[in-house]
Amino acid sequence: LYFCSKMAEARFSQDEFLCPVCLDLLKDPVTIQCGHSYCMSCITDCWDEEDEKRVYSCPQCRQTFSPRPALFKNVVFAEMLEKLKKTKLQSVVPAGAGDVQCDVCTGRKHRAVKSCLLCLNSYCQNHLEQHESLFKGKRHSLIEATGGLQEMNSDSIHTVHDSRNEQQLQEEFHFFLKMHRKP
C-alpha cells in the first residue's frame, strides 16, 4: 500500500510523453518490442520506408525486427496522456515545426497558446499565467497563438503601439524586467 501511494505521488515530465520521431506529445501511443514508444503514425511511416528490406528497426536503439511486428496501443500511456491533456500540461511542450513559439522562453522554446496584441508577444501556458497575473484587470487583448502576430501588417502594429499610454508602457517594462531577471 505504501509503494502504491508513493507511485501515485510521482510526478512525470511531459518530455517522457514526447514521440522521439515528431517531438510532439504521443498520439495513439504504441510501444514496440524493445520498449520504446512512438505515435502509431510515426512508427508506421518509419517502417513503411523499410518495407523493401523487410527488416524493421527502432528509430532510437536500432534494434531490428523481422517480420514486421504488429503494433498495439499502449493503454497506460494513452490514459496518462489524457490526464496530462486535462491538466493543460500539453501546452508547455516544446514547439515543433509550424508551431508558434513562446517569445519569453529561453533555451528550449515551448509552444505558444496565446498571443497578446498589446505586448506583441506569444506565450506558452506557464508564461501566459505569469502575464495574466501581472496584467490582471488591464486591457490586454489575447488571441489564440496562430501566427497572427507575424502576419500583422506594420500599420496595425503602429495602431496598437500608438494606443498605449505611459502607464501601460511602464507596466510592460516592469513585466519585461521580471521575466528576464536572473536568479
N, C-alpha and C. Protein backbone atom coordinates (compact mmCIF):
# COMPACT_ATOMS: atom_id res chain seq x y z
N LEU A 1 0.83 -1.19 0.00
CA LEU A 1 0.00 0.00 0.00
C LEU A 1 0.87 1.25 0.00
N TYR A 2 1.94 1.26 0.81
CA TYR A 2 2.85 2.40 0.85
C TYR A 2 3.46 2.64 -0.52
N PHE A 3 3.90 1.56 -1.19
CA PHE A 3 4.51 1.68 -2.50
C PHE A 3 3.54 2.30 -3.51
N CYS A 4 2.28 1.85 -3.47
CA CYS A 4 1.27 2.37 -4.40
C CYS A 4 1.02 3.85 -4.17
N SER A 5 0.98 4.27 -2.90
CA SER A 5 0.74 5.69 -2.64
C SER A 5 1.92 6.53 -3.10
N LYS A 6 3.13 6.01 -2.96
CA LYS A 6 4.31 6.74 -3.44
C LYS A 6 4.30 6.84 -4.96
N MET A 7 3.85 5.78 -5.62
CA MET A 7 3.76 5.81 -7.08
C MET A 7 2.74 6.85 -7.53
N ALA A 8 1.64 6.96 -6.80
CA ALA A 8 0.60 7.92 -7.15
C ALA A 8 1.11 9.34 -7.00
N GLU A 9 2.06 9.55 -6.08
CA GLU A 9 2.61 10.88 -5.87
C GLU A 9 3.67 11.25 -6.91
N ALA A 10 4.16 10.28 -7.64
CA ALA A 10 5.25 10.53 -8.59
C ALA A 10 4.83 11.57 -9.62
N ARG A 11 5.74 12.45 -9.94
CA ARG A 11 5.50 13.48 -10.94
C ARG A 11 6.26 13.09 -12.20
N PHE A 12 5.62 13.28 -13.33
CA PHE A 12 6.25 12.96 -14.59
C PHE A 12 6.47 14.24 -15.38
N SER A 13 7.58 14.28 -16.09
CA SER A 13 7.84 15.38 -17.00
C SER A 13 7.12 15.08 -18.31
N GLN A 14 6.60 16.12 -18.96
CA GLN A 14 5.94 15.88 -20.24
C GLN A 14 6.92 15.37 -21.29
N ASP A 15 8.22 15.56 -21.07
CA ASP A 15 9.22 15.04 -22.00
C ASP A 15 9.14 13.52 -22.11
N GLU A 16 8.68 12.86 -21.06
CA GLU A 16 8.55 11.40 -21.08
C GLU A 16 7.45 10.94 -22.01
N PHE A 17 6.60 11.88 -22.44
CA PHE A 17 5.48 11.54 -23.31
C PHE A 17 5.64 12.13 -24.70
N LEU A 18 6.88 12.50 -25.06
CA LEU A 18 7.15 13.03 -26.39
C LEU A 18 7.58 11.91 -27.32
N CYS A 19 7.08 11.93 -28.52
CA CYS A 19 7.48 10.95 -29.52
C CYS A 19 8.88 11.32 -30.01
N PRO A 20 9.82 10.38 -30.03
CA PRO A 20 11.18 10.69 -30.49
C PRO A 20 11.27 10.99 -31.99
N VAL A 21 10.22 10.69 -32.74
CA VAL A 21 10.23 10.97 -34.18
C VAL A 21 9.71 12.37 -34.47
N CYS A 22 8.49 12.70 -34.00
CA CYS A 22 7.89 14.01 -34.31
C CYS A 22 8.14 15.04 -33.22
N LEU A 23 8.66 14.63 -32.07
CA LEU A 23 8.97 15.50 -30.93
C LEU A 23 7.73 16.21 -30.38
N ASP A 24 6.57 15.62 -30.59
CA ASP A 24 5.33 16.16 -30.06
C ASP A 24 4.77 15.14 -29.05
N LEU A 25 3.72 15.52 -28.32
CA LEU A 25 3.09 14.55 -27.42
C LEU A 25 2.65 13.34 -28.22
N LEU A 26 2.82 12.16 -27.63
CA LEU A 26 2.44 10.92 -28.31
C LEU A 26 0.96 10.95 -28.70
N LYS A 27 0.69 10.58 -29.94
CA LYS A 27 -0.69 10.44 -30.42
C LYS A 27 -0.89 8.97 -30.73
N ASP A 28 -1.92 8.36 -30.19
CA ASP A 28 -2.14 6.92 -30.33
C ASP A 28 -0.85 6.16 -30.00
N PRO A 29 -0.37 6.27 -28.75
CA PRO A 29 0.93 5.69 -28.39
C PRO A 29 0.98 4.17 -28.53
N VAL A 30 2.08 3.71 -29.10
CA VAL A 30 2.36 2.27 -29.20
C VAL A 30 3.77 2.05 -28.67
N THR A 31 3.99 0.88 -28.09
CA THR A 31 5.32 0.51 -27.61
C THR A 31 5.76 -0.70 -28.42
N ILE A 32 6.98 -0.62 -28.99
CA ILE A 32 7.47 -1.73 -29.80
C ILE A 32 8.27 -2.69 -28.92
N GLN A 33 8.72 -3.80 -29.49
CA GLN A 33 9.31 -4.89 -28.73
C GLN A 33 10.51 -4.49 -27.87
N CYS A 34 11.27 -3.49 -28.27
CA CYS A 34 12.44 -3.09 -27.48
C CYS A 34 12.06 -2.21 -26.29
N GLY A 35 10.78 -1.79 -26.23
CA GLY A 35 10.32 -0.98 -25.11
C GLY A 35 10.16 0.50 -25.41
N HIS A 36 10.61 0.97 -26.57
CA HIS A 36 10.46 2.38 -26.92
C HIS A 36 9.05 2.65 -27.44
N SER A 37 8.57 3.87 -27.19
CA SER A 37 7.20 4.23 -27.56
C SER A 37 7.20 5.33 -28.61
N TYR A 38 6.19 5.26 -29.49
CA TYR A 38 6.05 6.20 -30.61
C TYR A 38 4.58 6.47 -30.86
N CYS A 39 4.31 7.54 -31.63
CA CYS A 39 2.97 7.73 -32.17
C CYS A 39 2.75 6.59 -33.16
N MET A 40 1.56 6.07 -33.21
CA MET A 40 1.25 4.99 -34.15
C MET A 40 1.62 5.41 -35.58
N SER A 41 1.25 6.63 -35.97
CA SER A 41 1.53 7.06 -37.35
C SER A 41 3.02 7.26 -37.61
N CYS A 42 3.77 7.71 -36.60
CA CYS A 42 5.21 7.94 -36.79
C CYS A 42 5.96 6.63 -37.03
N ILE A 43 5.72 5.63 -36.19
CA ILE A 43 6.45 4.36 -36.36
C ILE A 43 5.96 3.64 -37.61
N THR A 44 4.68 3.80 -37.94
CA THR A 44 4.16 3.20 -39.18
C THR A 44 4.85 3.81 -40.39
N ASP A 45 5.00 5.14 -40.40
CA ASP A 45 5.69 5.81 -41.51
C ASP A 45 7.14 5.36 -41.61
N CYS A 46 7.82 5.27 -40.46
CA CYS A 46 9.22 4.81 -40.46
C CYS A 46 9.33 3.41 -41.04
N TRP A 47 8.46 2.54 -40.60
CA TRP A 47 8.53 1.15 -41.05
C TRP A 47 8.05 0.98 -42.48
N ASP A 48 7.16 1.86 -42.95
CA ASP A 48 6.75 1.80 -44.36
C ASP A 48 7.95 2.04 -45.27
N GLU A 49 8.88 2.89 -44.83
CA GLU A 49 10.09 3.16 -45.61
C GLU A 49 11.04 1.96 -45.63
N GLU A 50 10.90 1.05 -44.68
CA GLU A 50 11.78 -0.12 -44.59
C GLU A 50 11.14 -1.38 -45.17
N ASP A 51 9.97 -1.23 -45.79
CA ASP A 51 9.24 -2.39 -46.31
C ASP A 51 10.04 -3.21 -47.32
N GLU A 52 10.81 -2.53 -48.19
CA GLU A 52 11.57 -3.25 -49.22
C GLU A 52 12.57 -4.23 -48.61
N LYS A 53 13.24 -3.79 -47.54
CA LYS A 53 14.26 -4.63 -46.89
C LYS A 53 13.64 -5.74 -46.04
N ARG A 54 12.38 -5.54 -45.65
CA ARG A 54 11.67 -6.48 -44.78
C ARG A 54 12.38 -6.68 -43.43
N VAL A 55 13.18 -5.70 -43.06
CA VAL A 55 13.81 -5.66 -41.74
C VAL A 55 13.45 -4.30 -41.16
N TYR A 56 12.87 -4.30 -39.99
CA TYR A 56 12.35 -3.08 -39.38
C TYR A 56 13.15 -2.77 -38.14
N SER A 57 13.44 -1.48 -37.93
CA SER A 57 14.28 -1.13 -36.79
C SER A 57 13.64 -0.05 -35.94
N CYS A 58 14.07 -0.02 -34.69
CA CYS A 58 13.65 1.02 -33.74
C CYS A 58 14.43 2.28 -34.08
N PRO A 59 13.77 3.41 -34.31
CA PRO A 59 14.50 4.65 -34.61
C PRO A 59 15.43 5.11 -33.49
N GLN A 60 15.20 4.64 -32.26
CA GLN A 60 16.05 5.07 -31.15
C GLN A 60 17.24 4.14 -30.93
N CYS A 61 16.98 2.88 -30.70
CA CYS A 61 18.08 1.97 -30.34
C CYS A 61 18.58 1.14 -31.52
N ARG A 62 17.87 1.20 -32.64
CA ARG A 62 18.24 0.49 -33.88
C ARG A 62 18.10 -1.03 -33.79
N GLN A 63 17.46 -1.54 -32.74
CA GLN A 63 17.20 -2.98 -32.68
C GLN A 63 16.33 -3.33 -33.89
N THR A 64 16.63 -4.47 -34.53
CA THR A 64 15.89 -4.85 -35.73
C THR A 64 14.88 -5.95 -35.44
N PHE A 65 13.84 -5.97 -36.27
CA PHE A 65 12.75 -6.93 -36.13
C PHE A 65 12.39 -7.46 -37.52
N SER A 66 12.15 -8.74 -37.60
CA SER A 66 11.67 -9.33 -38.84
C SER A 66 10.89 -10.58 -38.46
N PRO A 67 9.69 -10.73 -38.89
CA PRO A 67 8.91 -9.88 -39.78
C PRO A 67 8.44 -8.61 -39.06
N ARG A 68 7.72 -7.77 -39.80
CA ARG A 68 7.22 -6.51 -39.23
C ARG A 68 6.31 -6.81 -38.04
N PRO A 69 6.65 -6.24 -36.88
CA PRO A 69 5.84 -6.51 -35.68
C PRO A 69 4.46 -5.85 -35.76
N ALA A 70 3.50 -6.50 -35.16
CA ALA A 70 2.17 -5.89 -35.02
C ALA A 70 2.27 -4.80 -33.96
N LEU A 71 1.52 -3.73 -34.14
CA LEU A 71 1.54 -2.61 -33.19
C LEU A 71 0.26 -2.63 -32.35
N PHE A 72 0.44 -2.47 -31.05
CA PHE A 72 -0.70 -2.44 -30.14
C PHE A 72 -0.64 -1.16 -29.32
N LYS A 73 -1.80 -0.59 -29.10
CA LYS A 73 -1.90 0.65 -28.33
C LYS A 73 -1.35 0.45 -26.92
N ASN A 74 -0.56 1.41 -26.45
CA ASN A 74 -0.06 1.41 -25.08
C ASN A 74 -1.14 2.09 -24.23
N VAL A 75 -2.00 1.29 -23.63
CA VAL A 75 -3.16 1.80 -22.90
C VAL A 75 -2.74 2.67 -21.72
N VAL A 76 -1.69 2.30 -21.01
CA VAL A 76 -1.24 3.07 -19.85
C VAL A 76 -0.79 4.46 -20.30
N PHE A 77 0.04 4.54 -21.35
CA PHE A 77 0.47 5.84 -21.86
C PHE A 77 -0.72 6.66 -22.34
N ALA A 78 -1.65 6.02 -23.04
CA ALA A 78 -2.82 6.73 -23.56
C ALA A 78 -3.62 7.35 -22.42
N GLU A 79 -3.82 6.60 -21.33
CA GLU A 79 -4.56 7.13 -20.18
C GLU A 79 -3.80 8.27 -19.51
N MET A 80 -2.48 8.11 -19.38
CA MET A 80 -1.68 9.17 -18.75
C MET A 80 -1.68 10.43 -19.62
N LEU A 81 -1.64 10.26 -20.93
CA LEU A 81 -1.68 11.41 -21.83
C LEU A 81 -3.01 12.14 -21.74
N GLU A 82 -4.09 11.40 -21.58
CA GLU A 82 -5.40 12.04 -21.40
C GLU A 82 -5.41 12.89 -20.13
N LYS A 83 -4.85 12.35 -19.05
CA LYS A 83 -4.76 13.12 -17.81
C LYS A 83 -3.87 14.34 -17.99
N LEU A 84 -2.78 14.17 -18.71
CA LEU A 84 -1.86 15.26 -18.99
C LEU A 84 -2.57 16.37 -19.76
N LYS A 85 -3.35 15.99 -20.75
CA LYS A 85 -4.09 16.98 -21.54
C LYS A 85 -5.11 17.71 -20.69
N LYS A 86 -5.75 16.99 -19.78
CA LYS A 86 -6.76 17.61 -18.93
C LYS A 86 -6.15 18.63 -17.98
N THR A 87 -4.88 18.46 -17.64
CA THR A 87 -4.22 19.42 -16.74
C THR A 87 -3.50 20.51 -17.52
N LYS A 88 -3.69 20.54 -18.83
CA LYS A 88 -3.13 21.57 -19.71
C LYS A 88 -1.62 21.54 -19.82
N LEU A 89 -0.97 20.47 -19.37
CA LEU A 89 0.48 20.41 -19.50
C LEU A 89 0.92 20.24 -20.94
N GLN A 90 0.00 19.85 -21.83
CA GLN A 90 0.39 19.72 -23.21
C GLN A 90 0.73 21.10 -23.80
N SER A 91 0.29 22.15 -23.13
CA SER A 91 0.56 23.49 -23.62
C SER A 91 2.01 23.90 -23.44
N VAL A 92 2.74 23.20 -22.60
CA VAL A 92 4.13 23.57 -22.37
C VAL A 92 5.09 22.58 -23.00
N VAL A 93 4.65 21.93 -24.05
CA VAL A 93 5.56 21.06 -24.78
C VAL A 93 6.43 21.91 -25.68
N PRO A 94 7.61 21.42 -26.01
CA PRO A 94 8.46 22.18 -26.93
C PRO A 94 7.74 22.46 -28.24
N ALA A 95 8.00 23.63 -28.79
CA ALA A 95 7.39 24.00 -30.07
C ALA A 95 7.97 23.13 -31.17
N GLY A 96 7.11 22.64 -32.01
CA GLY A 96 7.54 21.85 -33.15
C GLY A 96 7.53 22.70 -34.41
N ALA A 97 7.87 22.09 -35.52
CA ALA A 97 7.85 22.79 -36.80
C ALA A 97 6.43 23.27 -37.07
N GLY A 98 6.29 24.53 -37.41
CA GLY A 98 4.98 25.09 -37.71
C GLY A 98 4.24 25.63 -36.50
N ASP A 99 4.73 25.37 -35.29
CA ASP A 99 4.09 25.90 -34.09
C ASP A 99 4.57 27.33 -33.84
N VAL A 100 3.71 28.13 -33.23
CA VAL A 100 4.12 29.45 -32.77
C VAL A 100 4.90 29.24 -31.48
N GLN A 101 6.09 29.85 -31.38
CA GLN A 101 6.94 29.68 -30.21
C GLN A 101 6.66 30.77 -29.18
N CYS A 102 6.85 30.41 -27.92
CA CYS A 102 6.74 31.38 -26.83
C CYS A 102 7.90 32.36 -26.97
N ASP A 103 7.59 33.66 -26.93
CA ASP A 103 8.62 34.69 -27.07
C ASP A 103 9.41 34.89 -25.80
N VAL A 104 8.94 34.37 -24.68
CA VAL A 104 9.59 34.61 -23.39
C VAL A 104 10.52 33.46 -23.00
N CYS A 105 10.22 32.26 -23.45
CA CYS A 105 11.05 31.10 -23.11
C CYS A 105 12.49 31.33 -23.56
N THR A 106 13.41 30.94 -22.69
CA THR A 106 14.82 30.98 -23.07
C THR A 106 15.28 29.54 -23.24
N GLY A 107 16.26 29.32 -24.04
CA GLY A 107 16.71 27.95 -24.31
C GLY A 107 15.70 27.25 -25.18
N ARG A 108 15.19 26.13 -24.71
CA ARG A 108 14.22 25.35 -25.48
C ARG A 108 12.88 26.07 -25.48
N LYS A 109 12.41 26.48 -26.64
CA LYS A 109 11.16 27.23 -26.77
C LYS A 109 9.96 26.29 -26.67
N HIS A 110 8.94 26.72 -25.92
CA HIS A 110 7.72 25.94 -25.80
C HIS A 110 6.67 26.48 -26.77
N ARG A 111 5.66 25.65 -27.02
CA ARG A 111 4.58 26.02 -27.92
C ARG A 111 3.73 27.11 -27.27
N ALA A 112 3.50 28.19 -28.01
CA ALA A 112 2.66 29.28 -27.51
C ALA A 112 1.20 28.88 -27.61
N VAL A 113 0.42 29.28 -26.61
CA VAL A 113 -1.02 29.01 -26.63
C VAL A 113 -1.82 30.28 -26.86
N LYS A 114 -1.27 31.43 -26.50
CA LYS A 114 -1.95 32.72 -26.69
C LYS A 114 -0.93 33.77 -27.10
N SER A 115 -1.43 34.81 -27.77
CA SER A 115 -0.61 35.97 -28.12
C SER A 115 -1.32 37.21 -27.60
N CYS A 116 -0.54 38.17 -27.11
CA CYS A 116 -1.09 39.43 -26.60
C CYS A 116 -0.91 40.49 -27.68
N LEU A 117 -2.02 41.11 -28.07
CA LEU A 117 -1.96 42.13 -29.12
C LEU A 117 -1.36 43.43 -28.61
N LEU A 118 -1.34 43.63 -27.30
CA LEU A 118 -0.76 44.84 -26.76
C LEU A 118 0.74 44.69 -26.57
N CYS A 119 1.16 43.58 -26.01
CA CYS A 119 2.59 43.33 -25.80
C CYS A 119 3.28 42.86 -27.08
N LEU A 120 2.49 42.34 -28.02
CA LEU A 120 3.02 41.76 -29.26
C LEU A 120 3.97 40.61 -28.98
N ASN A 121 3.58 39.78 -28.01
CA ASN A 121 4.33 38.57 -27.67
C ASN A 121 3.38 37.38 -27.65
N SER A 122 3.94 36.21 -27.89
CA SER A 122 3.21 34.95 -27.77
C SER A 122 3.72 34.23 -26.53
N TYR A 123 2.81 33.52 -25.84
CA TYR A 123 3.14 32.92 -24.55
C TYR A 123 2.75 31.44 -24.49
N CYS A 124 3.65 30.63 -23.89
CA CYS A 124 3.30 29.25 -23.55
C CYS A 124 2.38 29.32 -22.32
N GLN A 125 1.85 28.18 -21.90
CA GLN A 125 0.91 28.18 -20.77
C GLN A 125 1.53 28.77 -19.51
N ASN A 126 2.78 28.42 -19.20
CA ASN A 126 3.42 28.93 -17.99
C ASN A 126 3.59 30.44 -18.04
N HIS A 127 4.10 30.97 -19.16
CA HIS A 127 4.32 32.41 -19.26
C HIS A 127 3.01 33.17 -19.43
N LEU A 128 1.99 32.53 -20.00
CA LEU A 128 0.68 33.15 -20.10
C LEU A 128 0.12 33.39 -18.70
N GLU A 129 0.27 32.42 -17.81
CA GLU A 129 -0.22 32.58 -16.44
C GLU A 129 0.50 33.73 -15.74
N GLN A 130 1.80 33.87 -15.98
CA GLN A 130 2.55 35.00 -15.40
C GLN A 130 2.06 36.32 -15.99
N HIS A 131 1.85 36.35 -17.30
CA HIS A 131 1.36 37.55 -17.98
C HIS A 131 0.00 37.95 -17.42
N GLU A 132 -0.89 36.97 -17.28
CA GLU A 132 -2.23 37.26 -16.77
C GLU A 132 -2.20 37.76 -15.34
N SER A 133 -1.31 37.21 -14.51
CA SER A 133 -1.26 37.67 -13.11
C SER A 133 -0.65 39.06 -13.02
N LEU A 134 0.31 39.37 -13.87
CA LEU A 134 0.93 40.70 -13.84
C LEU A 134 0.01 41.78 -14.40
N PHE A 135 -0.81 41.43 -15.37
CA PHE A 135 -1.67 42.43 -16.02
C PHE A 135 -3.14 42.20 -15.72
N LYS A 136 -3.42 41.60 -14.58
CA LYS A 136 -4.80 41.31 -14.19
C LYS A 136 -5.59 42.62 -14.15
N GLY A 137 -6.73 42.63 -14.82
CA GLY A 137 -7.57 43.82 -14.83
C GLY A 137 -7.15 44.87 -15.84
N LYS A 138 -6.06 44.65 -16.54
CA LYS A 138 -5.59 45.60 -17.56
C LYS A 138 -6.20 45.21 -18.90
N ARG A 139 -6.14 46.11 -19.86
CA ARG A 139 -6.76 45.87 -21.16
C ARG A 139 -5.77 45.24 -22.14
N HIS A 140 -5.37 44.02 -21.87
CA HIS A 140 -4.51 43.29 -22.78
C HIS A 140 -5.39 42.32 -23.56
N SER A 141 -5.32 42.40 -24.88
CA SER A 141 -6.15 41.54 -25.73
C SER A 141 -5.38 40.28 -26.10
N LEU A 142 -5.92 39.13 -25.70
CA LEU A 142 -5.29 37.85 -26.00
C LEU A 142 -6.03 37.16 -27.13
N ILE A 143 -5.25 36.58 -28.05
CA ILE A 143 -5.81 35.79 -29.14
C ILE A 143 -5.14 34.43 -29.14
N GLU A 144 -5.74 33.46 -29.82
CA GLU A 144 -5.09 32.16 -29.98
C GLU A 144 -3.77 32.36 -30.70
N ALA A 145 -2.76 31.63 -30.30
CA ALA A 145 -1.44 31.74 -30.94
C ALA A 145 -1.46 30.97 -32.25
N THR A 146 -1.78 31.68 -33.32
CA THR A 146 -1.87 31.04 -34.63
C THR A 146 -0.92 31.69 -35.62
N GLY A 147 0.07 32.39 -35.13
CA GLY A 147 0.99 33.08 -36.03
C GLY A 147 0.45 34.44 -36.43
N GLY A 148 -0.65 34.87 -35.81
CA GLY A 148 -1.29 36.13 -36.16
C GLY A 148 -0.38 37.34 -35.98
N LEU A 149 0.49 37.31 -34.98
CA LEU A 149 1.38 38.46 -34.77
C LEU A 149 2.35 38.61 -35.92
N GLN A 150 2.83 37.47 -36.44
CA GLN A 150 3.77 37.53 -37.55
C GLN A 150 3.08 38.04 -38.81
N GLU A 151 1.76 37.83 -38.90
CA GLU A 151 1.02 38.22 -40.09
C GLU A 151 0.49 39.65 -40.02
N MET A 152 0.55 40.27 -38.85
CA MET A 152 0.04 41.63 -38.73
C MET A 152 0.88 42.56 -39.58
N ASN A 153 0.22 43.47 -40.29
CA ASN A 153 0.99 44.42 -41.09
C ASN A 153 1.48 45.56 -40.21
N SER A 154 2.42 46.31 -40.70
CA SER A 154 3.04 47.35 -39.88
C SER A 154 2.05 48.43 -39.46
N ASP A 155 1.03 48.74 -40.28
CA ASP A 155 0.04 49.74 -39.91
C ASP A 155 -0.74 49.32 -38.67
N SER A 156 -1.14 48.06 -38.60
CA SER A 156 -1.90 47.61 -37.43
C SER A 156 -1.02 47.56 -36.19
N ILE A 157 0.26 47.25 -36.36
CA ILE A 157 1.19 47.27 -35.22
C ILE A 157 1.34 48.69 -34.70
N HIS A 158 1.49 49.66 -35.61
CA HIS A 158 1.62 51.06 -35.18
C HIS A 158 0.34 51.53 -34.48
N THR A 159 -0.82 51.09 -34.95
CA THR A 159 -2.07 51.46 -34.30
C THR A 159 -2.11 50.93 -32.87
N VAL A 160 -1.70 49.70 -32.68
CA VAL A 160 -1.66 49.11 -31.34
C VAL A 160 -0.68 49.88 -30.47
N HIS A 161 0.52 50.15 -30.99
CA HIS A 161 1.52 50.86 -30.21
C HIS A 161 1.08 52.29 -29.89
N ASP A 162 0.46 52.99 -30.83
CA ASP A 162 0.04 54.37 -30.61
C ASP A 162 -1.05 54.46 -29.54
N SER A 163 -1.82 53.39 -29.36
CA SER A 163 -2.92 53.43 -28.40
C SER A 163 -2.44 53.20 -26.96
N ARG A 164 -1.19 52.88 -26.78
CA ARG A 164 -0.67 52.65 -25.42
C ARG A 164 -0.48 53.98 -24.70
N ASN A 165 -0.76 53.97 -23.42
CA ASN A 165 -0.46 55.17 -22.65
C ASN A 165 0.79 54.92 -21.83
N GLU A 166 1.26 55.95 -21.17
CA GLU A 166 2.51 55.84 -20.42
C GLU A 166 2.45 54.78 -19.33
N GLN A 167 1.32 54.67 -18.65
CA GLN A 167 1.20 53.67 -17.58
C GLN A 167 1.34 52.25 -18.14
N GLN A 168 0.74 51.99 -19.29
CA GLN A 168 0.85 50.67 -19.91
C GLN A 168 2.30 50.37 -20.26
N LEU A 169 3.01 51.36 -20.78
CA LEU A 169 4.42 51.16 -21.13
C LEU A 169 5.25 50.85 -19.89
N GLN A 170 4.96 51.55 -18.79
CA GLN A 170 5.69 51.27 -17.55
C GLN A 170 5.40 49.86 -17.05
N GLU A 171 4.14 49.45 -17.12
CA GLU A 171 3.78 48.09 -16.70
C GLU A 171 4.51 47.05 -17.55
N GLU A 172 4.56 47.29 -18.84
CA GLU A 172 5.23 46.34 -19.72
C GLU A 172 6.73 46.30 -19.44
N PHE A 173 7.31 47.44 -19.13
CA PHE A 173 8.73 47.49 -18.81
C PHE A 173 9.01 46.68 -17.54
N HIS A 174 8.17 46.85 -16.52
CA HIS A 174 8.34 46.09 -15.28
C HIS A 174 8.13 44.59 -15.53
N PHE A 175 7.16 44.27 -16.36
CA PHE A 175 6.93 42.86 -16.73
C PHE A 175 8.17 42.30 -17.42
N PHE A 176 8.73 43.06 -18.34
CA PHE A 176 9.94 42.62 -19.04
C PHE A 176 11.07 42.38 -18.04
N LEU A 177 11.25 43.28 -17.10
CA LEU A 177 12.32 43.12 -16.11
C LEU A 177 12.10 41.87 -15.26
N LYS A 178 10.85 41.63 -14.85
CA LYS A 178 10.56 40.43 -14.05
C LYS A 178 10.82 39.16 -14.84
N MET A 179 10.45 39.16 -16.11
CA MET A 179 10.59 37.95 -16.93
C MET A 179 12.05 37.66 -17.25
N HIS A 180 12.88 38.68 -17.30
CA HIS A 180 14.27 38.48 -17.71
C HIS A 180 15.25 38.64 -16.55
N ARG A 181 14.72 38.68 -15.33
CA ARG A 181 15.57 38.78 -14.15
C ARG A 181 16.35 37.49 -13.98
N LYS A 182 17.62 37.61 -13.69
CA LYS A 182 18.46 36.43 -13.48
C LYS A 182 18.27 35.95 -12.04
N PRO A 183 18.21 34.60 -11.85
CA PRO A 183 18.01 34.07 -10.50
C PRO A 183 19.20 34.31 -9.61
